[in-house]
Amino acid sequence: MSCESTDRFCPLCRASEGRPFYQDSREYFRCPVCTLVYVLPYQFLSPKEEKSVYDLHYNSADDPGYRRFLARLFGPLSQRLAPNSCGLDFGSGPGPTLSVMFEEAGHSMEIYDPFFAPETILFQRQYDFIVASEVVEHLHYPRRELDRLWSCLKPNGLLGIMTKRVIDREAFSRWHYKSDPTHVCFFSTETFQWLADHWRSILTFPGKDVVLFTKIK
């Protein structure tokens, strides 16, 4: 939600004010504790503006190329699942596809998206696994949303996230990923390690833009 706040405290760890990291049409700050890079709330799009961007997405389960893209998350996570697991596709978008791929593999799926499938009752259930593909970079309140997902995982459950990672300031300056106005927070390897420590979980990196968290009993 858009607002005029200039609060620079990290929206993930809340441990410290972010330090200036980069500036173009927006200002980006980097947390010195968890290393999250983020923009301030006053630079968020309004919900209407944000949805208008998502309405331009034409992803579909019938698109082989899109399926190959999602396979980077689907493959390593599905290899770790027991048969007939129950999952949640968080941020499924206007053309749910990852959920279809898991259903085709024999798992049951629910989908949630704040704009296209906003059934919040799904957060009152427990899941064997949760997937968030190209979602976390859109989160206005990443700590709140990610902790809520974590609370929905059963013991030994898996949370799979796909998002591109921050490397350094020079790479960031040339990075197309930051140009999407709906992208407001950017994770690095160190950020995910902070999350793993926060959750006391097991963290693995099966791909350059894929991370898996395992919830310990």
C-alpha atoms as a PDB file:
ATOM      1  CA  MET A   1       0.000   0.000   0.000  1.00  0.00           C
ATOM      2  CA  SER A   2       1.355   3.386  -0.918  1.00  0.00           C
ATOM      3  CA  CYS A   3       2.017   5.954   1.783  1.00  0.00           C
ATOM      4  CA  GLU A   4       4.237   8.940   2.483  1.00  0.00           C
ATOM      5  CA  SER A   5       6.378   7.221   5.132  1.00  0.00           C
ATOM      6  CA  THR A   6      10.110   7.855   4.958  1.00  0.00           C
ATOM      7  CA  ASP A   7      10.850   5.223   7.618  1.00  0.00           C
ATOM      8  CA  ARG A   8      14.173   3.719   6.584  1.00  0.00           C
ATOM      9  CA  PHE A   9      14.059   0.764   8.961  1.00  0.00           C
ATOM     10  CA  CYS A  10      14.511  -2.540   7.204  1.00  0.00           C
ATOM     11  CA  PRO A  11      11.112  -4.085   6.348  1.00  0.00           C
ATOM     12  CA  LEU A  12      12.543  -7.570   6.869  1.00  0.00           C
ATOM     13  CA  CYS A  13      14.631  -7.609  10.042  1.00  0.00           C
ATOM     14  CA  ARG A  14      13.653  -4.171  11.460  1.00  0.00           C
ATOM     15  CA  ALA A  15      17.028  -4.199  13.194  1.00  0.00           C
ATOM     16  CA  SER A  16      18.501  -1.067  11.685  1.00  0.00           C
ATOM     17  CA  GLU A  17      17.936   1.826   9.322  1.00  0.00           C
ATOM     18  CA  GLY A  18      19.033   1.101   5.793  1.00  0.00           C
ATOM     19  CA  ARG A  19      21.984   2.885   4.296  1.00  0.00           C
ATOM     20  CA  PRO A  20      21.824   4.527   0.843  1.00  0.00           C
ATOM     21  CA  PHE A  21      22.767   1.907  -1.723  1.00  0.00           C
ATOM     22  CA  TYR A  22      21.804   3.212  -5.171  1.00  0.00           C
ATOM     23  CA  GLN A  23      19.607   5.818  -6.832  1.00  0.00           C
ATOM     24  CA  ASP A  24      17.923   6.151 -10.210  1.00  0.00           C
ATOM     25  CA  SER A  25      14.262   7.132 -10.468  1.00  0.00           C
ATOM     26  CA  ARG A  26      13.934   5.546  -7.025  1.00  0.00           C
ATOM     27  CA  GLU A  27      16.118   5.474  -3.920  1.00  0.00           C
ATOM     28  CA  TYR A  28      17.360   2.079  -2.738  1.00  0.00           C
ATOM     29  CA  PHE A  29      18.574   1.344   0.764  1.00  0.00           C
ATOM     30  CA  ARG A  30      20.514  -1.647   2.054  1.00  0.00           C
ATOM     31  CA  CYS A  31      20.146  -3.077   5.531  1.00  0.00           C
ATOM     32  CA  PRO A  32      23.506  -3.478   7.297  1.00  0.00           C
ATOM     33  CA  VAL A  33      22.153  -6.470   9.260  1.00  0.00           C
ATOM     34  CA  CYS A  34      20.261  -8.743   6.823  1.00  0.00           C
ATOM     35  CA  THR A  35      21.502  -6.990   3.620  1.00  0.00           C
ATOM     36  CA  LEU A  36      18.014  -6.649   2.123  1.00  0.00           C
ATOM     37  CA  VAL A  37      17.903  -3.902  -0.524  1.00  0.00           C
ATOM     38  CA  TYR A  38      14.601  -2.028  -0.567  1.00  0.00           C
ATOM     39  CA  VAL A  39      12.751   1.108  -1.571  1.00  0.00           C
ATOM     40  CA  LEU A  40      10.752   3.200   0.863  1.00  0.00           C
ATOM     41  CA  PRO A  41       6.950   2.907   1.088  1.00  0.00           C
ATOM     42  CA  TYR A  42       6.291   6.327  -0.422  1.00  0.00           C
ATOM     43  CA  GLN A  43       7.699   4.975  -3.691  1.00  0.00           C
ATOM     44  CA  PHE A  44       5.350   1.983  -3.837  1.00  0.00           C
ATOM     45  CA  LEU A  45       2.729   1.881  -6.567  1.00  0.00           C
ATOM     46  CA  SER A  46      -0.887   2.105  -5.510  1.00  0.00           C
ATOM     47  CA  PRO A  47      -2.795  -1.218  -5.541  1.00  0.00           C
ATOM     48  CA  LYS A  48      -4.579  -0.110  -8.731  1.00  0.00           C
ATOM     49  CA  GLU A  49      -1.295   0.769 -10.440  1.00  0.00           C
ATOM     50  CA  GLU A  50       0.295  -2.455  -9.265  1.00  0.00           C
ATOM     51  CA  LYS A  51      -2.535  -4.616 -10.588  1.00  0.00           C
ATOM     52  CA  SER A  52      -2.411  -2.832 -13.951  1.00  0.00           C
ATOM     53  CA  VAL A  53       1.177  -4.082 -14.316  1.00  0.00           C
ATOM     54  CA  TYR A  54       0.232  -7.655 -13.396  1.00  0.00           C
ATOM     55  CA  ASP A  55      -2.667  -7.569 -15.844  1.00  0.00           C
ATOM     56  CA  LEU A  56      -0.062  -7.296 -18.610  1.00  0.00           C
ATOM     57  CA  HIS A  57       1.404 -10.701 -17.698  1.00  0.00           C
ATOM     58  CA  TYR A  58       0.373 -13.471 -20.075  1.00  0.00           C
ATOM     59  CA  ASN A  59       1.741 -16.530 -18.282  1.00  0.00           C
ATOM     60  CA  SER A  60      -0.117 -19.758 -18.918  1.00  0.00           C
ATOM     61  CA  ALA A  61       0.121 -23.448 -18.058  1.00  0.00           C
ATOM     62  CA  ASP A  62      -0.085 -24.078 -21.817  1.00  0.00           C
ATOM     63  CA  ASP A  63       3.203 -22.236 -22.428  1.00  0.00           C
ATOM     64  CA  PRO A  64       6.137 -24.716 -22.584  1.00  0.00           C
ATOM     65  CA  GLY A  65       8.654 -21.912 -22.144  1.00  0.00           C
ATOM     66  CA  TYR A  66       7.010 -20.721 -18.944  1.00  0.00           C
ATOM     67  CA  ARG A  67       6.965 -24.288 -17.655  1.00  0.00           C
ATOM     68  CA  ARG A  68      10.695 -24.608 -18.342  1.00  0.00           C
ATOM     69  CA  PHE A  69      11.263 -21.411 -16.397  1.00  0.00           C
ATOM     70  CA  LEU A  70       9.274 -22.674 -13.400  1.00  0.00           C
ATOM     71  CA  ALA A  71      11.034 -26.043 -13.566  1.00  0.00           C
ATOM     72  CA  ARG A  72      14.014 -24.375 -11.889  1.00  0.00           C
ATOM     73  CA  LEU A  73      11.940 -24.339  -8.699  1.00  0.00           C
ATOM     74  CA  PHE A  74       9.610 -27.239  -9.423  1.00  0.00           C
ATOM     75  CA  GLY A  75      12.394 -29.739 -10.098  1.00  0.00           C
ATOM     76  CA  PRO A  76      14.492 -29.537  -6.931  1.00  0.00           C
ATOM     77  CA  LEU A  77      11.479 -29.109  -4.669  1.00  0.00           C
ATOM     78  CA  SER A  78       9.429 -31.956  -6.140  1.00  0.00           C
ATOM     79  CA  GLN A  79      12.379 -34.324  -5.675  1.00  0.00           C
ATOM     80  CA  ARG A  80      12.127 -33.736  -1.920  1.00  0.00           C
ATOM     81  CA  LEU A  81       8.362 -34.270  -1.575  1.00  0.00           C
ATOM     82  CA  ALA A  82       6.564 -37.352  -0.331  1.00  0.00           C
ATOM     83  CA  PRO A  83       3.784 -38.650  -2.611  1.00  0.00           C
ATOM     84  CA  ASN A  84       0.426 -36.904  -2.333  1.00  0.00           C
ATOM     85  CA  SER A  85       1.788 -33.865  -0.499  1.00  0.00           C
ATOM     86  CA  CYS A  86      -0.336 -30.763   0.067  1.00  0.00           C
ATOM     87  CA  GLY A  87       1.019 -27.435  -1.156  1.00  0.00           C
ATOM     88  CA  LEU A  88       0.269 -23.742  -1.498  1.00  0.00           C
ATOM     89  CA  ASP A  89       1.283 -21.605  -4.475  1.00  0.00           C
ATOM     90  CA  PHE A  90       1.701 -18.154  -2.932  1.00  0.00           C
ATOM     91  CA  GLY A  91       1.450 -15.346  -5.480  1.00  0.00           C
ATOM     92  CA  SER A  92       0.037 -17.550  -8.213  1.00  0.00           C
ATOM     93  CA  GLY A  93      -0.712 -14.614 -10.508  1.00  0.00           C
ATOM     94  CA  PRO A  94      -3.357 -14.336 -13.243  1.00  0.00           C
ATOM     95  CA  GLY A  95      -2.289 -17.603 -14.916  1.00  0.00           C
ATOM     96  CA  PRO A  96      -1.527 -20.223 -12.226  1.00  0.00           C
ATOM     97  CA  THR A  97       0.977 -22.710 -13.609  1.00  0.00           C
ATOM     98  CA  LEU A  98       3.284 -23.942 -10.851  1.00  0.00           C
ATOM     99  CA  SER A  99       0.256 -25.299  -8.999  1.00  0.00           C
ATOM    100  CA  VAL A 100      -0.788 -27.180 -12.146  1.00  0.00           C
ATOM    101  CA  MET A 101       2.669 -28.728 -12.463  1.00  0.00           C
ATOM    102  CA  PHE A 102       2.535 -30.008  -8.885  1.00  0.00           C
ATOM    103  CA  GLU A 103      -1.003 -31.328  -9.375  1.00  0.00           C
ATOM    104  CA  GLU A 104       0.160 -33.185 -12.464  1.00  0.00           C
ATOM    105  CA  ALA A 105       2.858 -34.752 -10.260  1.00  0.00           C
ATOM    106  CA  GLY A 106       0.185 -36.085  -7.888  1.00  0.00           C
ATOM    107  CA  HIS A 107       0.099 -33.393  -5.199  1.00  0.00           C
ATOM    108  CA  SER A 108      -2.892 -31.363  -4.018  1.00  0.00           C
ATOM    109  CA  MET A 109      -2.585 -27.591  -4.332  1.00  0.00           C
ATOM    110  CA  GLU A 110      -4.165 -24.364  -3.153  1.00  0.00           C
ATOM    111  CA  ILE A 111      -3.433 -21.005  -4.765  1.00  0.00           C
ATOM    112  CA  TYR A 112      -3.279 -17.559  -3.247  1.00  0.00           C
ATOM    113  CA  ASP A 113      -2.751 -14.174  -4.856  1.00  0.00           C
ATOM    114  CA  PRO A 114      -3.744 -10.831  -3.309  1.00  0.00           C
ATOM    115  CA  PHE A 115      -5.140  -9.621  -6.636  1.00  0.00           C
ATOM    116  CA  PHE A 116      -6.338 -12.756  -8.442  1.00  0.00           C
ATOM    117  CA  ALA A 117      -7.101 -15.367  -5.751  1.00  0.00           C
ATOM    118  CA  PRO A 118      -7.415 -13.481  -2.437  1.00  0.00           C
ATOM    119  CA  GLU A 119      -8.743 -16.260  -0.187  1.00  0.00           C
ATOM    120  CA  THR A 120      -7.039 -15.473   3.121  1.00  0.00           C
ATOM    121  CA  ILE A 121      -8.691 -18.464   4.819  1.00  0.00           C
ATOM    122  CA  LEU A 122      -5.922 -20.506   3.197  1.00  0.00           C
ATOM    123  CA  PHE A 123      -3.513 -19.124   5.800  1.00  0.00           C
ATOM    124  CA  GLN A 124      -5.443 -20.952   8.514  1.00  0.00           C
ATOM    125  CA  ARG A 125      -4.313 -24.297   7.076  1.00  0.00           C
ATOM    126  CA  GLN A 126      -1.080 -26.262   7.232  1.00  0.00           C
ATOM    127  CA  TYR A 127       0.930 -27.393   4.204  1.00  0.00           C
ATOM    128  CA  ASP A 128       3.696 -29.844   3.406  1.00  0.00           C
ATOM    129  CA  PHE A 129       5.235 -27.271   1.088  1.00  0.00           C
ATOM    130  CA  ILE A 130       4.787 -23.688  -0.079  1.00  0.00           C
ATOM    131  CA  VAL A 131       6.156 -22.166  -3.274  1.00  0.00           C
ATOM    132  CA  ALA A 132       6.656 -18.485  -4.137  1.00  0.00           C
ATOM    133  CA  SER A 133       7.998 -17.963  -7.632  1.00  0.00           C
ATOM    134  CA  GLU A 134       8.946 -14.396  -8.576  1.00  0.00           C
ATOM    135  CA  VAL A 135       6.941 -13.097  -5.631  1.00  0.00           C
ATOM    136  CA  VAL A 136       9.111 -11.996  -2.715  1.00  0.00           C
ATOM    137  CA  GLU A 137      10.548  -9.026  -4.621  1.00  0.00           C
ATOM    138  CA  HIS A 138       6.995  -7.592  -4.709  1.00  0.00           C
ATOM    139  CA  LEU A 139       6.337  -7.776  -0.969  1.00  0.00           C
ATOM    140  CA  HIS A 140       5.686  -4.453   0.739  1.00  0.00           C
ATOM    141  CA  TYR A 141       5.939  -6.103   4.153  1.00  0.00           C
ATOM    142  CA  PRO A 142       8.298  -9.043   3.675  1.00  0.00           C
ATOM    143  CA  ARG A 143       8.739  -9.901   7.373  1.00  0.00           C
ATOM    144  CA  ARG A 144       5.008 -10.137   7.974  1.00  0.00           C
ATOM    145  CA  GLU A 145       4.246 -12.094   4.810  1.00  0.00           C
ATOM    146  CA  LEU A 146       7.151 -14.530   5.061  1.00  0.00           C
ATOM    147  CA  ASP A 147       6.578 -15.235   8.752  1.00  0.00           C
ATOM    148  CA  ARG A 148       2.932 -15.929   7.949  1.00  0.00           C
ATOM    149  CA  LEU A 149       3.941 -18.425   5.277  1.00  0.00           C
ATOM    150  CA  TRP A 150       6.402 -20.055   7.650  1.00  0.00           C
ATOM    151  CA  SER A 151       3.682 -20.502  10.263  1.00  0.00           C
ATOM    152  CA  CYS A 152       1.612 -22.384   7.670  1.00  0.00           C
ATOM    153  CA  LEU A 153       4.283 -25.042   7.122  1.00  0.00           C
ATOM    154  CA  LYS A 154       4.091 -28.406   8.841  1.00  0.00           C
ATOM    155  CA  PRO A 155       7.201 -29.745  10.626  1.00  0.00           C
ATOM    156  CA  ASN A 156       9.713 -30.874   7.992  1.00  0.00           C
ATOM    157  CA  GLY A 157       7.821 -28.758   5.459  1.00  0.00           C
ATOM    158  CA  LEU A 158       9.518 -26.990   2.578  1.00  0.00           C
ATOM    159  CA  LEU A 159       9.368 -23.366   1.471  1.00  0.00           C
ATOM    160  CA  GLY A 160      10.680 -22.831  -2.051  1.00  0.00           C
ATOM    161  CA  ILE A 161      11.432 -19.320  -3.289  1.00  0.00           C
ATOM    162  CA  MET A 162      12.548 -18.217  -6.731  1.00  0.00           C
ATOM    163  CA  THR A 163      13.837 -14.670  -7.150  1.00  0.00           C
ATOM    164  CA  LYS A 164      16.955 -13.085  -8.599  1.00  0.00           C
ATOM    165  CA  ARG A 165      19.615 -12.156  -6.049  1.00  0.00           C
ATOM    166  CA  VAL A 166      21.523  -8.959  -5.380  1.00  0.00           C
ATOM    167  CA  ILE A 167      25.270  -9.342  -5.939  1.00  0.00           C
ATOM    168  CA  ASP A 168      26.822  -5.928  -5.365  1.00  0.00           C
ATOM    169  CA  ARG A 169      26.238  -2.255  -6.112  1.00  0.00           C
ATOM    170  CA  GLU A 170      27.959  -2.292  -9.497  1.00  0.00           C
ATOM    171  CA  ALA A 171      25.905  -5.242 -10.737  1.00  0.00           C
ATOM    172  CA  PHE A 172      22.794  -3.638  -9.247  1.00  0.00           C
ATOM    173  CA  SER A 173      23.379  -0.467 -11.266  1.00  0.00           C
ATOM    174  CA  ARG A 174      23.057  -2.485 -14.510  1.00  0.00           C
ATOM    175  CA  TRP A 175      20.344  -4.836 -13.268  1.00  0.00           C
ATOM    176  CA  HIS A 176      17.119  -4.937 -15.281  1.00  0.00           C
ATOM    177  CA  TYR A 177      15.344  -6.542 -12.321  1.00  0.00           C
ATOM    178  CA  LYS A 178      15.198  -3.278 -10.386  1.00  0.00           C
ATOM    179  CA  SER A 179      13.480  -1.494 -13.292  1.00  0.00           C
ATOM    180  CA  ASP A 180      10.129  -3.170 -12.657  1.00  0.00           C
ATOM    181  CA  PRO A 181       8.230  -0.636 -10.511  1.00  0.00           C
ATOM    182  CA  THR A 182       6.463  -3.457  -8.655  1.00  0.00           C
ATOM    183  CA  HIS A 183       9.821  -4.818  -7.432  1.00  0.00           C
ATOM    184  CA  VAL A 184      10.428  -3.158  -4.079  1.00  0.00           C
ATOM    185  CA  CYS A 185      12.759  -5.463  -2.130  1.00  0.00           C
ATOM    186  CA  PHE A 186      15.726  -7.471  -3.302  1.00  0.00           C
ATOM    187  CA  PHE A 187      17.307 -10.429  -1.553  1.00  0.00           C
ATOM    188  CA  SER A 188      20.897 -11.617  -1.492  1.00  0.00           C
ATOM    189  CA  THR A 189      22.444 -14.898  -0.399  1.00  0.00           C
ATOM    190  CA  GLU A 190      23.165 -13.264   2.961  1.00  0.00           C
ATOM    191  CA  THR A 191      19.529 -12.161   3.292  1.00  0.00           C
ATOM    192  CA  PHE A 192      18.346 -15.721   2.865  1.00  0.00           C
ATOM    193  CA  GLN A 193      20.906 -16.874   5.406  1.00  0.00           C
ATOM    194  CA  TRP A 194      19.500 -14.313   7.841  1.00  0.00           C
ATOM    195  CA  LEU A 195      16.015 -15.733   7.241  1.00  0.00           C
ATOM    196  CA  ALA A 196      17.254 -19.291   7.786  1.00  0.00           C
ATOM    197  CA  ASP A 197      18.781 -18.254  11.110  1.00  0.00           C
ATOM    198  CA  HIS A 198      15.617 -16.353  12.058  1.00  0.00           C
ATOM    199  CA  TRP A 199      13.510 -19.462  11.417  1.00  0.00           C
ATOM    200  CA  ARG A 200      16.177 -21.893  12.683  1.00  0.00           C
ATOM    201  CA  SER A 201      15.727 -23.777   9.459  1.00  0.00           C
ATOM    202  CA  ILE A 202      17.853 -25.697   6.985  1.00  0.00           C
ATOM    203  CA  LEU A 203      18.781 -23.639   3.910  1.00  0.00           C
ATOM    204  CA  THR A 204      19.853 -24.964   0.513  1.00  0.00           C
ATOM    205  CA  PHE A 205      20.579 -23.248  -2.795  1.00  0.00           C
ATOM    206  CA  PRO A 206      19.719 -25.642  -5.642  1.00  0.00           C
ATOM    207  CA  GLY A 207      20.043 -22.900  -8.272  1.00  0.00           C
ATOM    208  CA  LYS A 208      21.302 -19.355  -8.724  1.00  0.00           C
ATOM    209  CA  ASP A 209      17.812 -17.935  -8.245  1.00  0.00           C
ATOM    210  CA  VAL A 210      16.211 -20.719  -6.170  1.00  0.00           C
ATOM    211  CA  VAL A 211      16.337 -21.281  -2.418  1.00  0.00           C
ATOM    212  CA  LEU A 212      14.750 -23.967  -0.277  1.00  0.00           C
ATOM    213  CA  PHE A 213      14.051 -23.736   3.446  1.00  0.00           C
ATOM    214  CA  THR A 214      13.273 -26.868   5.467  1.00  0.00           C
ATOM    215  CA  LYS A 215      11.309 -26.427   8.663  1.00  0.00           C
ATOM    216  CA  ILE A 216      12.851 -28.356  11.513  1.00  0.00           C
ATOM    217  CA  LYS A 217      10.520 -30.053  13.978  1.00  0.00           C
END
